[in-house]
Amino acid sequence: MSGRTHARVCPERTCVGCRERAAKSDLLRIVVVEGTCVPDPRGTLPGRGAYLHPASVCLDLAVRRRAFPRAFKAQGPLDTAEIRCHVEQATP
């Protein structure tokens, strides 16, 4: 036997809000399009992505810590209104 296990490893990412690691499928991918942070639930938009728990608590932490400009290596603040709408709709 080679010592390999048959269990599949799922990719993990870090939430830019709470800084906790979670499965990639549990997080919402965010990309920047023309200075606006846009949710990418399918994960198909081009460009650098940042990951966030789809919860308003994590979004508030990310905005307060200025995590989005740092994650995207962008100058100045980014508009997060579209993400907030997406998160509020996803949360019951």
C-alpha atoms as a PDB file:
ATOM      1  CA  MET A   1       0.000   0.000   0.000  1.00  0.00           C
ATOM      2  CA  SER A   2       1.211   3.485  -0.777  1.00  0.00           C
ATOM      3  CA  GLY A   3      -0.234   5.050   2.360  1.00  0.00           C
ATOM      4  CA  ARG A   4      -2.677   7.214   0.437  1.00  0.00           C
ATOM      5  CA  THR A   5      -6.186   7.576   1.729  1.00  0.00           C
ATOM      6  CA  HIS A   6      -9.240   7.552  -0.445  1.00  0.00           C
ATOM      7  CA  ALA A   7     -10.859  10.497   1.323  1.00  0.00           C
ATOM      8  CA  ARG A   8     -11.207  13.558  -0.873  1.00  0.00           C
ATOM      9  CA  VAL A   9      -9.683  16.758   0.366  1.00  0.00           C
ATOM     10  CA  CYS A  10     -11.882  19.803  -0.058  1.00  0.00           C
ATOM     11  CA  PRO A  11     -10.201  23.154  -0.747  1.00  0.00           C
ATOM     12  CA  GLU A  12     -10.230  25.683   2.072  1.00  0.00           C
ATOM     13  CA  ARG A  13     -10.192  29.461   1.943  1.00  0.00           C
ATOM     14  CA  THR A  14      -9.985  32.178   4.585  1.00  0.00           C
ATOM     15  CA  CYS A  15     -12.867  34.583   5.185  1.00  0.00           C
ATOM     16  CA  VAL A  16     -11.630  38.179   4.866  1.00  0.00           C
ATOM     17  CA  GLY A  17     -14.079  39.246   7.588  1.00  0.00           C
ATOM     18  CA  CYS A  18     -13.615  36.872  10.515  1.00  0.00           C
ATOM     19  CA  ARG A  19     -10.289  35.381   9.280  1.00  0.00           C
ATOM     20  CA  GLU A  20     -11.508  31.814   9.877  1.00  0.00           C
ATOM     21  CA  ARG A  21     -10.734  29.017   7.435  1.00  0.00           C
ATOM     22  CA  ALA A  22     -13.707  27.223   5.911  1.00  0.00           C
ATOM     23  CA  ALA A  23     -14.515  25.012   2.970  1.00  0.00           C
ATOM     24  CA  LYS A  24     -14.501  26.919  -0.307  1.00  0.00           C
ATOM     25  CA  SER A  25     -18.097  25.830  -0.947  1.00  0.00           C
ATOM     26  CA  ASP A  26     -19.257  27.490   2.320  1.00  0.00           C
ATOM     27  CA  LEU A  27     -17.852  30.898   1.381  1.00  0.00           C
ATOM     28  CA  LEU A  28     -18.970  33.541  -1.116  1.00  0.00           C
ATOM     29  CA  ARG A  29     -16.392  34.595  -3.704  1.00  0.00           C
ATOM     30  CA  ILE A  30     -16.069  38.343  -4.259  1.00  0.00           C
ATOM     31  CA  VAL A  31     -14.403  40.047  -7.247  1.00  0.00           C
ATOM     32  CA  VAL A  32     -13.895  43.687  -8.218  1.00  0.00           C
ATOM     33  CA  VAL A  33     -15.533  45.023 -11.378  1.00  0.00           C
ATOM     34  CA  GLU A  34     -14.844  48.704 -12.119  1.00  0.00           C
ATOM     35  CA  GLY A  35     -14.288  49.712  -8.482  1.00  0.00           C
ATOM     36  CA  THR A  36     -17.271  47.783  -7.141  1.00  0.00           C
ATOM     37  CA  CYS A  37     -17.143  44.560  -5.144  1.00  0.00           C
ATOM     38  CA  VAL A  38     -19.421  42.045  -6.859  1.00  0.00           C
ATOM     39  CA  PRO A  39     -20.570  38.667  -5.500  1.00  0.00           C
ATOM     40  CA  ASP A  40     -19.547  35.690  -7.624  1.00  0.00           C
ATOM     41  CA  PRO A  41     -21.554  32.714  -6.289  1.00  0.00           C
ATOM     42  CA  ARG A  42     -20.686  30.494  -9.277  1.00  0.00           C
ATOM     43  CA  GLY A  43     -16.987  31.355  -9.072  1.00  0.00           C
ATOM     44  CA  THR A  44     -16.642  32.027 -12.793  1.00  0.00           C
ATOM     45  CA  LEU A  45     -15.866  35.748 -13.006  1.00  0.00           C
ATOM     46  CA  PRO A  46     -12.284  36.587 -14.009  1.00  0.00           C
ATOM     47  CA  GLY A  47      -9.785  38.236 -11.728  1.00  0.00           C
ATOM     48  CA  ARG A  48      -8.526  38.031  -8.193  1.00  0.00           C
ATOM     49  CA  GLY A  49     -11.077  36.730  -5.723  1.00  0.00           C
ATOM     50  CA  ALA A  50     -11.616  37.186  -2.008  1.00  0.00           C
ATOM     51  CA  TYR A  51     -13.810  34.927   0.093  1.00  0.00           C
ATOM     52  CA  LEU A  52     -16.375  35.873   2.708  1.00  0.00           C
ATOM     53  CA  HIS A  53     -18.932  34.021   4.830  1.00  0.00           C
ATOM     54  CA  PRO A  54     -22.369  35.016   3.523  1.00  0.00           C
ATOM     55  CA  ALA A  55     -23.224  36.683   6.851  1.00  0.00           C
ATOM     56  CA  SER A  56     -23.636  40.354   7.659  1.00  0.00           C
ATOM     57  CA  VAL A  57     -21.340  40.000  10.692  1.00  0.00           C
ATOM     58  CA  CYS A  58     -18.398  38.967   8.510  1.00  0.00           C
ATOM     59  CA  LEU A  59     -19.204  41.646   5.941  1.00  0.00           C
ATOM     60  CA  ASP A  60     -19.248  44.343   8.646  1.00  0.00           C
ATOM     61  CA  LEU A  61     -15.896  43.108   9.991  1.00  0.00           C
ATOM     62  CA  ALA A  62     -14.365  43.138   6.516  1.00  0.00           C
ATOM     63  CA  VAL A  63     -15.551  46.687   5.827  1.00  0.00           C
ATOM     64  CA  ARG A  64     -14.383  47.929   9.235  1.00  0.00           C
ATOM     65  CA  ARG A  65     -10.944  46.352   8.797  1.00  0.00           C
ATOM     66  CA  ARG A  66     -10.650  47.634   5.197  1.00  0.00           C
ATOM     67  CA  ALA A  67     -10.044  44.040   4.093  1.00  0.00           C
ATOM     68  CA  PHE A  68     -11.401  44.382   0.555  1.00  0.00           C
ATOM     69  CA  PRO A  69      -8.907  46.997  -0.733  1.00  0.00           C
ATOM     70  CA  ARG A  70      -6.099  44.981   0.862  1.00  0.00           C
ATOM     71  CA  ALA A  71      -7.291  41.667  -0.591  1.00  0.00           C
ATOM     72  CA  PHE A  72      -7.668  43.120  -4.078  1.00  0.00           C
ATOM     73  CA  LYS A  73      -4.544  45.303  -3.862  1.00  0.00           C
ATOM     74  CA  ALA A  74      -6.668  48.304  -4.807  1.00  0.00           C
ATOM     75  CA  GLN A  75      -6.199  51.948  -3.933  1.00  0.00           C
ATOM     76  CA  GLY A  76      -8.948  53.638  -1.920  1.00  0.00           C
ATOM     77  CA  PRO A  77     -12.291  52.317  -0.699  1.00  0.00           C
ATOM     78  CA  LEU A  78     -14.428  49.936  -2.753  1.00  0.00           C
ATOM     79  CA  ASP A  79     -18.216  49.999  -3.024  1.00  0.00           C
ATOM     80  CA  THR A  80     -19.738  47.040  -1.118  1.00  0.00           C
ATOM     81  CA  ALA A  81     -23.457  47.820  -1.545  1.00  0.00           C
ATOM     82  CA  GLU A  82     -24.005  44.966  -4.013  1.00  0.00           C
ATOM     83  CA  ILE A  83     -22.448  42.445  -1.627  1.00  0.00           C
ATOM     84  CA  ARG A  84     -24.594  43.721   1.235  1.00  0.00           C
ATOM     85  CA  CYS A  85     -27.763  43.221  -0.840  1.00  0.00           C
ATOM     86  CA  HIS A  86     -26.677  39.699  -1.781  1.00  0.00           C
ATOM     87  CA  VAL A  87     -25.866  38.771   1.841  1.00  0.00           C
ATOM     88  CA  GLU A  88     -29.130  40.196   3.185  1.00  0.00           C
ATOM     89  CA  GLN A  89     -31.136  38.219   0.608  1.00  0.00           C
ATOM     90  CA  ALA A  90     -29.276  35.001   1.415  1.00  0.00           C
ATOM     91  CA  THR A  91     -29.784  35.345   5.182  1.00  0.00           C
ATOM     92  CA  PRO A  92     -33.283  34.355   6.323  1.00  0.00           C
END
